[in-house]
Amino acid sequence: MDKKAGLHYTDIDYSVFSDGSRYVYQGLSPYKRSTYRYTPLLAYLLLGNSYFGENFGKFLFVLFDSFTGIFIRRLIKSNLTRKQIILSYLLWDFNPFVINISTRGNSDSLICFLLVFVLYLMKNNHIVLSAIFYGISVHLRLFPIYFVFTFFFYYKFNVFKFGFIAGFVFMGLNIIFYVKYGNEFLTE
């Protein structure tokens, strides 16, 4: 990752993701990496590190940051003036914190994208798709579960449909990875 000794730019978790991905590439469990505590889905997303080089995942995270900016603009486009839209573009796409987080290899850009994309889908009345992507986001990182009540209030009469689909996707991914990796998946 970082060639010089001393202060490293790359997030320590990125090397954990990458090592887990290398194990998956070899047909093994990502949990062979002693500190891999994430869903195997993240290791699968970073398989490009084995094909295209060790920085593939960083480029992927930067790409998701760009997609997040696109969907933020699509979300607010109808409600703001042109000047406000440009400002929102600058605040996200040229924010040094956002740039730093994704270029260091932190996977939070993926979660940010998924949550903004879910909001975009909700705004455009795509209940099924928003629930699917919400279920995926909760599977990747647990903290998006905090937004569930907001989404339930938004959908009012379709709350059961949204909840059932999101829960089905979340549990479906958990079952798939439990079948593949067993108790190791549950404990890690």
N, C-alpha and C. Protein backbone atom coordinates (compact mmCIF):
# COMPACT_ATOMS: atom_id res chain seq x y z
N MET A 1 0.83 -1.18 0.00
CA MET A 1 0.00 0.00 0.00
C MET A 1 0.89 1.26 0.00
N ASP A 2 1.27 1.71 1.16
CA ASP A 2 2.14 2.89 1.27
C ASP A 2 3.58 2.41 1.32
N LYS A 3 4.39 2.90 0.40
CA LYS A 3 5.74 2.37 0.22
C LYS A 3 6.73 2.87 1.27
N LYS A 4 6.54 4.08 1.77
CA LYS A 4 7.50 4.65 2.70
C LYS A 4 7.11 4.36 4.15
N ALA A 5 8.14 4.22 4.99
CA ALA A 5 7.90 3.99 6.41
C ALA A 5 7.43 5.28 7.07
N GLY A 6 6.77 5.14 8.20
CA GLY A 6 6.31 6.32 8.92
C GLY A 6 4.81 6.45 8.85
N LEU A 7 4.35 7.67 8.63
CA LEU A 7 2.93 7.96 8.57
C LEU A 7 2.33 7.44 7.27
N HIS A 8 1.36 6.57 7.37
CA HIS A 8 0.74 5.97 6.18
C HIS A 8 -0.55 6.70 5.85
N TYR A 9 -0.77 6.89 4.56
CA TYR A 9 -1.99 7.56 4.10
C TYR A 9 -3.16 6.58 4.08
N THR A 10 -2.91 5.36 3.68
CA THR A 10 -3.97 4.38 3.52
C THR A 10 -4.57 3.99 4.86
N ASP A 11 -5.90 3.96 4.90
CA ASP A 11 -6.63 3.54 6.09
C ASP A 11 -6.26 2.09 6.42
N ILE A 12 -6.04 1.81 7.68
CA ILE A 12 -5.65 0.46 8.10
C ILE A 12 -6.72 -0.56 7.72
N ASP A 13 -7.98 -0.15 7.75
CA ASP A 13 -9.05 -1.08 7.36
C ASP A 13 -8.95 -1.48 5.90
N TYR A 14 -8.39 -0.61 5.07
CA TYR A 14 -8.27 -0.95 3.65
C TYR A 14 -7.38 -2.16 3.45
N SER A 15 -6.30 -2.25 4.22
CA SER A 15 -5.45 -3.43 4.09
C SER A 15 -6.17 -4.67 4.60
N VAL A 16 -7.03 -4.51 5.59
CA VAL A 16 -7.82 -5.64 6.08
C VAL A 16 -8.81 -6.08 4.99
N PHE A 17 -9.52 -5.11 4.38
CA PHE A 17 -10.45 -5.44 3.28
C PHE A 17 -9.71 -6.15 2.15
N SER A 18 -8.55 -5.59 1.80
CA SER A 18 -7.77 -6.13 0.67
C SER A 18 -7.29 -7.54 0.97
N ASP A 19 -6.80 -7.77 2.18
CA ASP A 19 -6.35 -9.12 2.54
C ASP A 19 -7.51 -10.10 2.50
N GLY A 20 -8.66 -9.69 3.04
CA GLY A 20 -9.84 -10.55 2.99
C GLY A 20 -10.24 -10.86 1.56
N SER A 21 -10.13 -9.86 0.70
CA SER A 21 -10.46 -10.05 -0.71
C SER A 21 -9.48 -11.02 -1.38
N ARG A 22 -8.21 -10.94 -1.02
CA ARG A 22 -7.22 -11.87 -1.57
C ARG A 22 -7.55 -13.31 -1.18
N TYR A 23 -8.00 -13.48 0.05
CA TYR A 23 -8.39 -14.83 0.48
C TYR A 23 -9.60 -15.32 -0.32
N VAL A 24 -10.57 -14.46 -0.54
CA VAL A 24 -11.74 -14.84 -1.35
C VAL A 24 -11.29 -15.19 -2.77
N TYR A 25 -10.38 -14.41 -3.32
CA TYR A 25 -9.84 -14.66 -4.67
C TYR A 25 -9.20 -16.05 -4.75
N GLN A 26 -8.59 -16.48 -3.64
CA GLN A 26 -7.95 -17.80 -3.59
C GLN A 26 -8.94 -18.92 -3.25
N GLY A 27 -10.22 -18.57 -3.12
CA GLY A 27 -11.24 -19.56 -2.81
C GLY A 27 -11.36 -19.86 -1.32
N LEU A 28 -10.79 -18.99 -0.49
CA LEU A 28 -10.82 -19.19 0.95
C LEU A 28 -11.76 -18.18 1.60
N SER A 29 -11.87 -18.27 2.90
CA SER A 29 -12.72 -17.35 3.66
C SER A 29 -11.99 -16.04 3.91
N PRO A 30 -12.69 -14.90 3.78
CA PRO A 30 -12.03 -13.62 4.12
C PRO A 30 -11.65 -13.56 5.59
N TYR A 31 -12.27 -14.42 6.41
CA TYR A 31 -12.01 -14.43 7.84
C TYR A 31 -10.68 -15.11 8.18
N LYS A 32 -9.97 -15.58 7.16
CA LYS A 32 -8.60 -16.05 7.38
C LYS A 32 -7.73 -14.88 7.81
N ARG A 33 -8.11 -13.68 7.41
CA ARG A 33 -7.42 -12.46 7.86
C ARG A 33 -7.85 -12.25 9.30
N SER A 34 -6.90 -12.24 10.21
CA SER A 34 -7.21 -12.28 11.65
C SER A 34 -8.12 -11.16 12.13
N THR A 35 -8.09 -9.99 11.52
CA THR A 35 -8.93 -8.88 12.01
C THR A 35 -10.06 -8.54 11.04
N TYR A 36 -10.40 -9.44 10.14
CA TYR A 36 -11.50 -9.18 9.20
C TYR A 36 -12.81 -9.33 9.95
N ARG A 37 -13.53 -8.22 10.17
CA ARG A 37 -14.78 -8.21 10.94
C ARG A 37 -15.92 -7.61 10.13
N TYR A 38 -15.92 -7.87 8.85
CA TYR A 38 -16.88 -7.24 7.95
C TYR A 38 -17.64 -8.32 7.20
N THR A 39 -18.66 -7.90 6.47
CA THR A 39 -19.38 -8.84 5.63
C THR A 39 -18.46 -9.30 4.49
N PRO A 40 -18.58 -10.56 4.09
CA PRO A 40 -17.81 -11.03 2.94
C PRO A 40 -18.15 -10.26 1.66
N LEU A 41 -19.33 -9.64 1.63
CA LEU A 41 -19.73 -8.86 0.46
C LEU A 41 -18.69 -7.77 0.15
N LEU A 42 -18.13 -7.17 1.17
CA LEU A 42 -17.10 -6.16 0.97
C LEU A 42 -15.85 -6.76 0.34
N ALA A 43 -15.47 -7.95 0.76
CA ALA A 43 -14.32 -8.64 0.16
C ALA A 43 -14.60 -8.95 -1.32
N TYR A 44 -15.83 -9.34 -1.62
CA TYR A 44 -16.19 -9.61 -3.02
C TYR A 44 -16.14 -8.34 -3.86
N LEU A 45 -16.58 -7.21 -3.28
CA LEU A 45 -16.54 -5.95 -4.01
C LEU A 45 -15.11 -5.52 -4.34
N LEU A 46 -14.17 -5.95 -3.53
CA LEU A 46 -12.77 -5.57 -3.75
C LEU A 46 -11.96 -6.63 -4.48
N LEU A 47 -12.61 -7.59 -5.10
CA LEU A 47 -11.89 -8.59 -5.88
C LEU A 47 -11.06 -7.96 -7.00
N GLY A 48 -11.46 -6.78 -7.44
CA GLY A 48 -10.70 -6.07 -8.46
C GLY A 48 -9.27 -5.77 -8.02
N ASN A 49 -9.01 -5.74 -6.71
CA ASN A 49 -7.64 -5.55 -6.23
C ASN A 49 -6.73 -6.66 -6.73
N SER A 50 -7.26 -7.87 -6.84
CA SER A 50 -6.47 -9.01 -7.32
C SER A 50 -6.30 -8.99 -8.83
N TYR A 51 -7.22 -8.36 -9.53
CA TYR A 51 -7.16 -8.32 -11.00
C TYR A 51 -6.46 -7.06 -11.53
N PHE A 52 -6.75 -5.93 -10.91
CA PHE A 52 -6.31 -4.65 -11.47
C PHE A 52 -5.27 -3.91 -10.64
N GLY A 53 -4.97 -4.41 -9.47
CA GLY A 53 -3.99 -3.75 -8.62
C GLY A 53 -4.56 -3.39 -7.27
N GLU A 54 -3.66 -3.14 -6.33
CA GLU A 54 -4.06 -2.96 -4.94
C GLU A 54 -4.85 -1.69 -4.67
N ASN A 55 -4.87 -0.76 -5.59
CA ASN A 55 -5.62 0.48 -5.38
C ASN A 55 -6.99 0.49 -6.04
N PHE A 56 -7.39 -0.64 -6.60
CA PHE A 56 -8.70 -0.72 -7.25
C PHE A 56 -9.83 -0.29 -6.30
N GLY A 57 -9.79 -0.78 -5.08
CA GLY A 57 -10.83 -0.47 -4.10
C GLY A 57 -10.92 1.01 -3.80
N LYS A 58 -9.77 1.67 -3.74
CA LYS A 58 -9.78 3.12 -3.50
C LYS A 58 -10.47 3.84 -4.65
N PHE A 59 -10.17 3.42 -5.87
CA PHE A 59 -10.85 4.02 -7.03
C PHE A 59 -12.35 3.73 -6.98
N LEU A 60 -12.70 2.54 -6.55
CA LEU A 60 -14.11 2.17 -6.43
C LEU A 60 -14.81 3.08 -5.41
N PHE A 61 -14.17 3.32 -4.27
CA PHE A 61 -14.75 4.18 -3.25
C PHE A 61 -14.88 5.62 -3.73
N VAL A 62 -13.88 6.10 -4.47
CA VAL A 62 -13.96 7.45 -5.05
C VAL A 62 -15.11 7.51 -6.06
N LEU A 63 -15.28 6.46 -6.84
CA LEU A 63 -16.39 6.41 -7.80
C LEU A 63 -17.74 6.49 -7.07
N PHE A 64 -17.87 5.77 -5.96
CA PHE A 64 -19.11 5.85 -5.18
C PHE A 64 -19.32 7.24 -4.60
N ASP A 65 -18.24 7.92 -4.22
CA ASP A 65 -18.36 9.32 -3.77
C ASP A 65 -18.90 10.19 -4.89
N SER A 66 -18.43 9.97 -6.11
CA SER A 66 -18.92 10.73 -7.26
C SER A 66 -20.39 10.45 -7.51
N PHE A 67 -20.77 9.19 -7.43
CA PHE A 67 -22.19 8.83 -7.61
C PHE A 67 -23.05 9.47 -6.52
N THR A 68 -22.52 9.54 -5.30
CA THR A 68 -23.24 10.18 -4.21
C THR A 68 -23.52 11.64 -4.55
N GLY A 69 -22.51 12.33 -5.06
CA GLY A 69 -22.68 13.73 -5.47
C GLY A 69 -23.74 13.88 -6.55
N ILE A 70 -23.74 12.97 -7.51
CA ILE A 70 -24.73 13.00 -8.59
C ILE A 70 -26.15 12.86 -8.02
N PHE A 71 -26.33 11.91 -7.11
CA PHE A 71 -27.67 11.67 -6.57
C PHE A 71 -28.08 12.73 -5.56
N ILE A 72 -27.13 13.36 -4.90
CA ILE A 72 -27.48 14.51 -4.05
C ILE A 72 -28.06 15.61 -4.92
N ARG A 73 -27.42 15.88 -6.04
CA ARG A 73 -27.94 16.91 -6.95
C ARG A 73 -29.30 16.53 -7.50
N ARG A 74 -29.49 15.27 -7.82
CA ARG A 74 -30.79 14.83 -8.34
C ARG A 74 -31.88 14.94 -7.27
N LEU A 75 -31.50 14.71 -6.03
CA LEU A 75 -32.47 14.81 -4.93
C LEU A 75 -32.95 16.24 -4.72
N ILE A 76 -32.05 17.19 -4.82
CA ILE A 76 -32.37 18.56 -4.45
C ILE A 76 -32.65 19.45 -5.64
N LYS A 77 -32.47 18.95 -6.83
CA LYS A 77 -32.55 19.78 -8.03
C LYS A 77 -33.84 20.57 -8.14
N SER A 78 -34.94 19.97 -7.84
CA SER A 78 -36.23 20.65 -8.03
C SER A 78 -36.54 21.66 -6.92
N ASN A 79 -35.83 21.60 -5.82
CA ASN A 79 -36.17 22.44 -4.68
C ASN A 79 -35.27 23.66 -4.50
N LEU A 80 -34.18 23.75 -5.25
CA LEU A 80 -33.21 24.81 -5.01
C LEU A 80 -32.95 25.64 -6.26
N THR A 81 -32.34 26.79 -6.03
CA THR A 81 -31.92 27.63 -7.15
C THR A 81 -30.65 27.05 -7.75
N ARG A 82 -30.30 27.52 -8.91
CA ARG A 82 -29.08 27.04 -9.59
C ARG A 82 -27.85 27.28 -8.72
N LYS A 83 -27.79 28.43 -8.08
CA LYS A 83 -26.65 28.77 -7.23
C LYS A 83 -26.56 27.79 -6.05
N GLN A 84 -27.69 27.44 -5.46
CA GLN A 84 -27.69 26.49 -4.34
C GLN A 84 -27.30 25.09 -4.79
N ILE A 85 -27.72 24.72 -5.99
CA ILE A 85 -27.35 23.40 -6.54
C ILE A 85 -25.84 23.34 -6.75
N ILE A 86 -25.26 24.39 -7.30
CA ILE A 86 -23.81 24.43 -7.51
C ILE A 86 -23.08 24.37 -6.17
N LEU A 87 -23.59 25.09 -5.19
CA LEU A 87 -22.98 25.06 -3.86
C LEU A 87 -23.03 23.66 -3.27
N SER A 88 -24.15 22.98 -3.41
CA SER A 88 -24.25 21.61 -2.88
C SER A 88 -23.26 20.69 -3.60
N TYR A 89 -23.10 20.91 -4.89
CA TYR A 89 -22.12 20.14 -5.67
C TYR A 89 -20.72 20.36 -5.10
N LEU A 90 -20.37 21.61 -4.87
CA LEU A 90 -19.05 21.94 -4.35
C LEU A 90 -18.85 21.39 -2.93
N LEU A 91 -19.91 21.47 -2.11
CA LEU A 91 -19.80 21.01 -0.73
C LEU A 91 -19.56 19.51 -0.62
N TRP A 92 -20.09 18.75 -1.57
CA TRP A 92 -19.85 17.30 -1.52
C TRP A 92 -18.63 16.91 -2.35
N ASP A 93 -18.62 17.23 -3.61
CA ASP A 93 -17.58 16.71 -4.51
C ASP A 93 -16.20 17.30 -4.26
N PHE A 94 -16.13 18.48 -3.69
CA PHE A 94 -14.83 19.08 -3.43
C PHE A 94 -14.56 19.25 -1.94
N ASN A 95 -15.28 18.52 -1.14
CA ASN A 95 -15.09 18.55 0.30
C ASN A 95 -13.82 17.76 0.63
N PRO A 96 -12.83 18.39 1.27
CA PRO A 96 -11.58 17.67 1.56
C PRO A 96 -11.77 16.45 2.46
N PHE A 97 -12.75 16.48 3.34
CA PHE A 97 -13.00 15.32 4.20
C PHE A 97 -13.52 14.15 3.38
N VAL A 98 -14.44 14.41 2.50
CA VAL A 98 -15.00 13.35 1.65
C VAL A 98 -13.91 12.77 0.77
N ILE A 99 -13.12 13.63 0.16
CA ILE A 99 -12.04 13.17 -0.71
C ILE A 99 -11.03 12.35 0.09
N ASN A 100 -10.66 12.84 1.25
CA ASN A 100 -9.67 12.15 2.07
C ASN A 100 -10.15 10.78 2.52
N ILE A 101 -11.40 10.70 2.93
CA ILE A 101 -11.93 9.44 3.44
C ILE A 101 -11.92 8.36 2.36
N SER A 102 -12.39 8.68 1.17
CA SER A 102 -12.46 7.64 0.14
C SER A 102 -11.10 7.32 -0.46
N THR A 103 -10.24 8.32 -0.63
CA THR A 103 -8.92 8.04 -1.23
C THR A 103 -8.01 7.28 -0.26
N ARG A 104 -8.30 7.33 1.01
CA ARG A 104 -7.55 6.54 1.99
C ARG A 104 -8.00 5.08 1.99
N GLY A 105 -9.16 4.81 1.37
CA GLY A 105 -9.64 3.44 1.30
C GLY A 105 -10.68 3.09 2.34
N ASN A 106 -11.38 4.09 2.85
CA ASN A 106 -12.43 3.84 3.82
C ASN A 106 -13.72 3.52 3.08
N SER A 107 -14.42 2.48 3.51
CA SER A 107 -15.61 2.02 2.79
C SER A 107 -16.86 2.82 3.10
N ASP A 108 -16.77 3.84 3.94
CA ASP A 108 -17.96 4.62 4.28
C ASP A 108 -18.56 5.33 3.07
N SER A 109 -17.76 5.57 2.04
CA SER A 109 -18.32 6.19 0.83
C SER A 109 -19.37 5.30 0.19
N LEU A 110 -19.20 4.00 0.31
CA LEU A 110 -20.18 3.06 -0.22
C LEU A 110 -21.51 3.18 0.54
N ILE A 111 -21.44 3.29 1.86
CA ILE A 111 -22.64 3.42 2.67
C ILE A 111 -23.32 4.76 2.40
N CYS A 112 -22.53 5.83 2.29
CA CYS A 112 -23.10 7.15 1.97
C CYS A 112 -23.86 7.08 0.65
N PHE A 113 -23.23 6.47 -0.35
CA PHE A 113 -23.91 6.34 -1.64
C PHE A 113 -25.22 5.58 -1.49
N LEU A 114 -25.17 4.44 -0.83
CA LEU A 114 -26.39 3.62 -0.71
C LEU A 114 -27.51 4.38 -0.01
N LEU A 115 -27.20 5.11 1.03
CA LEU A 115 -28.24 5.85 1.75
C LEU A 115 -28.81 6.99 0.91
N VAL A 116 -27.96 7.71 0.20
CA VAL A 116 -28.45 8.79 -0.67
C VAL A 116 -29.26 8.19 -1.82
N PHE A 117 -28.81 7.06 -2.34
CA PHE A 117 -29.52 6.39 -3.43
C PHE A 117 -30.89 5.91 -2.95
N VAL A 118 -30.96 5.39 -1.73
CA VAL A 118 -32.25 4.98 -1.16
C VAL A 118 -33.19 6.18 -1.07
N LEU A 119 -32.68 7.32 -0.60
CA LEU A 119 -33.50 8.53 -0.53
C LEU A 119 -33.99 8.96 -1.92
N TYR A 120 -33.11 8.87 -2.89
CA TYR A 120 -33.49 9.20 -4.27
C TYR A 120 -34.60 8.28 -4.76
N LEU A 121 -34.44 6.99 -4.52
CA LEU A 121 -35.46 6.02 -4.94
C LEU A 121 -36.78 6.26 -4.21
N MET A 122 -36.71 6.59 -2.94
CA MET A 122 -37.93 6.88 -2.18
C MET A 122 -38.65 8.10 -2.76
N LYS A 123 -37.87 9.13 -3.04
CA LYS A 123 -38.46 10.36 -3.58
C LYS A 123 -39.16 10.10 -4.91
N ASN A 124 -38.66 9.13 -5.67
CA ASN A 124 -39.23 8.80 -6.97
C ASN A 124 -40.18 7.61 -6.90
N ASN A 125 -40.65 7.29 -5.69
CA ASN A 125 -41.67 6.25 -5.45
C ASN A 125 -41.30 4.85 -5.94
N HIS A 126 -40.04 4.49 -5.76
CA HIS A 126 -39.58 3.14 -6.07
C HIS A 126 -39.42 2.37 -4.76
N ILE A 127 -40.54 1.93 -4.21
CA ILE A 127 -40.55 1.30 -2.89
C ILE A 127 -39.70 0.04 -2.87
N VAL A 128 -39.88 -0.82 -3.85
CA VAL A 128 -39.17 -2.10 -3.87
C VAL A 128 -37.66 -1.88 -3.97
N LEU A 129 -37.23 -1.05 -4.92
CA LEU A 129 -35.80 -0.81 -5.09
C LEU A 129 -35.19 -0.12 -3.87
N SER A 130 -35.92 0.84 -3.30
CA SER A 130 -35.38 1.51 -2.11
C SER A 130 -35.22 0.53 -0.96
N ALA A 131 -36.15 -0.38 -0.80
CA ALA A 131 -36.06 -1.38 0.26
C ALA A 131 -34.90 -2.34 0.01
N ILE A 132 -34.70 -2.74 -1.23
CA ILE A 132 -33.59 -3.65 -1.57
C ILE A 132 -32.26 -3.00 -1.23
N PHE A 133 -32.06 -1.77 -1.68
CA PHE A 133 -30.78 -1.11 -1.43
C PHE A 133 -30.60 -0.75 0.05
N TYR A 134 -31.70 -0.49 0.74
CA TYR A 134 -31.60 -0.25 2.17
C TYR A 134 -31.18 -1.54 2.89
N GLY A 135 -31.74 -2.66 2.50
CA GLY A 135 -31.35 -3.95 3.09
C GLY A 135 -29.87 -4.25 2.87
N ILE A 136 -29.38 -3.92 1.67
CA ILE A 136 -27.95 -4.11 1.37
C ILE A 136 -27.10 -3.19 2.25
N SER A 137 -27.54 -1.94 2.42
CA SER A 137 -26.74 -0.99 3.22
C SER A 137 -26.64 -1.44 4.67
N VAL A 138 -27.75 -1.96 5.22
CA VAL A 138 -27.72 -2.44 6.60
C VAL A 138 -26.84 -3.69 6.71
N HIS A 139 -26.85 -4.51 5.68
CA HIS A 139 -25.99 -5.69 5.70
C HIS A 139 -24.51 -5.28 5.69
N LEU A 140 -24.17 -4.28 4.90
CA LEU A 140 -22.76 -3.85 4.81
C LEU A 140 -22.27 -3.22 6.12
N ARG A 141 -23.08 -2.36 6.69
CA ARG A 141 -22.75 -1.71 7.96
C ARG A 141 -24.05 -1.59 8.74
N LEU A 142 -24.03 -1.85 10.00
CA LEU A 142 -25.26 -1.90 10.78
C LEU A 142 -25.86 -0.53 11.07
N PHE A 143 -25.05 0.54 11.06
CA PHE A 143 -25.58 1.83 11.50
C PHE A 143 -26.72 2.39 10.65
N PRO A 144 -26.90 2.05 9.37
CA PRO A 144 -28.08 2.57 8.65
C PRO A 144 -29.42 2.12 9.23
N ILE A 145 -29.38 1.15 10.15
CA ILE A 145 -30.64 0.73 10.79
C ILE A 145 -31.27 1.88 11.56
N TYR A 146 -30.46 2.86 11.97
CA TYR A 146 -30.99 4.02 12.70
C TYR A 146 -32.00 4.82 11.87
N PHE A 147 -31.94 4.72 10.56
CA PHE A 147 -32.83 5.48 9.69
C PHE A 147 -34.15 4.78 9.42
N VAL A 148 -34.31 3.58 9.92
CA VAL A 148 -35.49 2.78 9.58
C VAL A 148 -36.79 3.48 9.99
N PHE A 149 -36.82 4.13 11.13
CA PHE A 149 -38.06 4.78 11.56
C PHE A 149 -38.42 5.96 10.66
N THR A 150 -37.41 6.68 10.22
CA THR A 150 -37.65 7.77 9.28
C THR A 150 -38.25 7.23 7.99
N PHE A 151 -37.71 6.14 7.49
CA PHE A 151 -38.23 5.54 6.26
C PHE A 151 -39.64 5.02 6.46
N PHE A 152 -39.90 4.44 7.63
CA PHE A 152 -41.24 3.94 7.93
C PHE A 152 -42.25 5.09 7.96
N PHE A 153 -41.88 6.21 8.56
CA PHE A 153 -42.78 7.37 8.59
C PHE A 153 -43.02 7.90 7.19
N TYR A 154 -42.01 7.85 6.35
CA TYR A 154 -42.14 8.35 4.99
C TYR A 154 -43.13 7.49 4.20
N TYR A 155 -43.02 6.18 4.36
CA TYR A 155 -43.85 5.28 3.57
C TYR A 155 -45.25 5.05 4.15
N LYS A 156 -45.50 5.41 5.36
CA LYS A 156 -46.81 5.31 6.02
C LYS A 156 -47.52 4.00 5.71
N PHE A 157 -48.35 4.00 4.66
CA PHE A 157 -49.19 2.83 4.37
C PHE A 157 -48.41 1.70 3.71
N ASN A 158 -47.24 1.99 3.17
CA ASN A 158 -46.42 0.96 2.53
C ASN A 158 -45.30 0.48 3.45
N VAL A 159 -45.42 0.78 4.73
CA VAL A 159 -44.37 0.45 5.69
C VAL A 159 -44.11 -1.05 5.75
N PHE A 160 -45.14 -1.85 5.67
CA PHE A 160 -44.94 -3.30 5.75
C PHE A 160 -44.24 -3.84 4.52
N LYS A 161 -44.60 -3.30 3.38
CA LYS A 161 -43.94 -3.71 2.14
C LYS A 161 -42.46 -3.36 2.19
N PHE A 162 -42.15 -2.11 2.57
CA PHE A 162 -40.76 -1.67 2.67
C PHE A 162 -40.00 -2.50 3.70
N GLY A 163 -40.58 -2.66 4.87
CA GLY A 163 -39.93 -3.41 5.94
C GLY A 163 -39.71 -4.87 5.59
N PHE A 164 -40.71 -5.49 4.96
CA PHE A 164 -40.58 -6.89 4.59
C PHE A 164 -39.47 -7.08 3.56
N ILE A 165 -39.45 -6.25 2.53
CA ILE A 165 -38.45 -6.40 1.48
C ILE A 165 -37.04 -6.11 2.01
N ALA A 166 -36.90 -5.01 2.75
CA ALA A 166 -35.58 -4.67 3.31
C ALA A 166 -35.10 -5.78 4.25
N GLY A 167 -35.99 -6.27 5.11
CA GLY A 167 -35.63 -7.35 6.02
C GLY A 167 -35.29 -8.62 5.29
N PHE A 168 -36.02 -8.91 4.21
CA PHE A 168 -35.76 -10.11 3.41
C PHE A 168 -34.39 -10.03 2.77
N VAL A 169 -34.03 -8.89 2.21
CA VAL A 169 -32.71 -8.72 1.58
C VAL A 169 -31.62 -8.85 2.63
N PHE A 170 -31.79 -8.15 3.75
CA PHE A 170 -30.80 -8.20 4.83
C PHE A 170 -30.60 -9.64 5.31
N MET A 171 -31.69 -10.31 5.64
CA MET A 171 -31.59 -11.69 6.14
C MET A 171 -31.12 -12.65 5.05
N GLY A 172 -31.55 -12.40 3.80
CA GLY A 172 -31.12 -13.24 2.70
C GLY A 172 -29.60 -13.22 2.52
N LEU A 173 -29.03 -12.02 2.57
CA LEU A 173 -27.56 -11.91 2.47
C LEU A 173 -26.89 -12.59 3.65
N ASN A 174 -27.45 -12.41 4.84
CA ASN A 174 -26.88 -13.07 6.03
C ASN A 174 -26.94 -14.58 5.90
N ILE A 175 -28.05 -15.11 5.40
CA ILE A 175 -28.18 -16.56 5.24
C ILE A 175 -27.20 -17.08 4.20
N ILE A 176 -27.09 -16.37 3.08
CA ILE A 176 -26.15 -16.79 2.03
C ILE A 176 -24.73 -16.89 2.59
N PHE A 177 -24.30 -15.86 3.32
CA PHE A 177 -22.93 -15.88 3.84
C PHE A 177 -22.78 -16.83 5.02
N TYR A 178 -23.86 -17.08 5.75
CA TYR A 178 -23.79 -18.07 6.82
C TYR A 178 -23.62 -19.47 6.22
N VAL A 179 -24.36 -19.76 5.16
CA VAL A 179 -24.24 -21.06 4.50
C VAL A 179 -22.82 -21.24 3.97
N LYS A 180 -22.26 -20.17 3.41
CA LYS A 180 -20.92 -20.27 2.81
C LYS A 180 -19.81 -20.30 3.85
N TYR A 181 -19.94 -19.50 4.93
CA TYR A 181 -18.83 -19.35 5.88
C TYR A 181 -19.14 -19.84 7.29
N GLY A 182 -20.36 -20.29 7.54
CA GLY A 182 -20.71 -20.90 8.81
C GLY A 182 -20.63 -19.96 10.00
N ASN A 183 -20.32 -20.53 11.15
CA ASN A 183 -20.28 -19.77 12.40
C ASN A 183 -19.22 -18.68 12.37
N GLU A 184 -18.21 -18.88 11.56
CA GLU A 184 -17.16 -17.86 11.41
C GLU A 184 -17.78 -16.52 10.98
N PHE A 185 -18.76 -16.59 10.08
CA PHE A 185 -19.46 -15.38 9.63
C PHE A 185 -20.21 -14.72 10.80
N LEU A 186 -20.89 -15.53 11.62
CA LEU A 186 -21.67 -14.98 12.74
C LEU A 186 -20.77 -14.38 13.82
N THR A 187 -19.70 -15.04 14.13
CA THR A 187 -18.85 -14.57 15.22
C THR A 187 -18.00 -13.37 14.85
N GLU A 188 -17.66 -13.26 13.60
CA GLU A 188 -16.81 -12.13 13.17
C GLU A 188 -17.65 -10.96 12.72
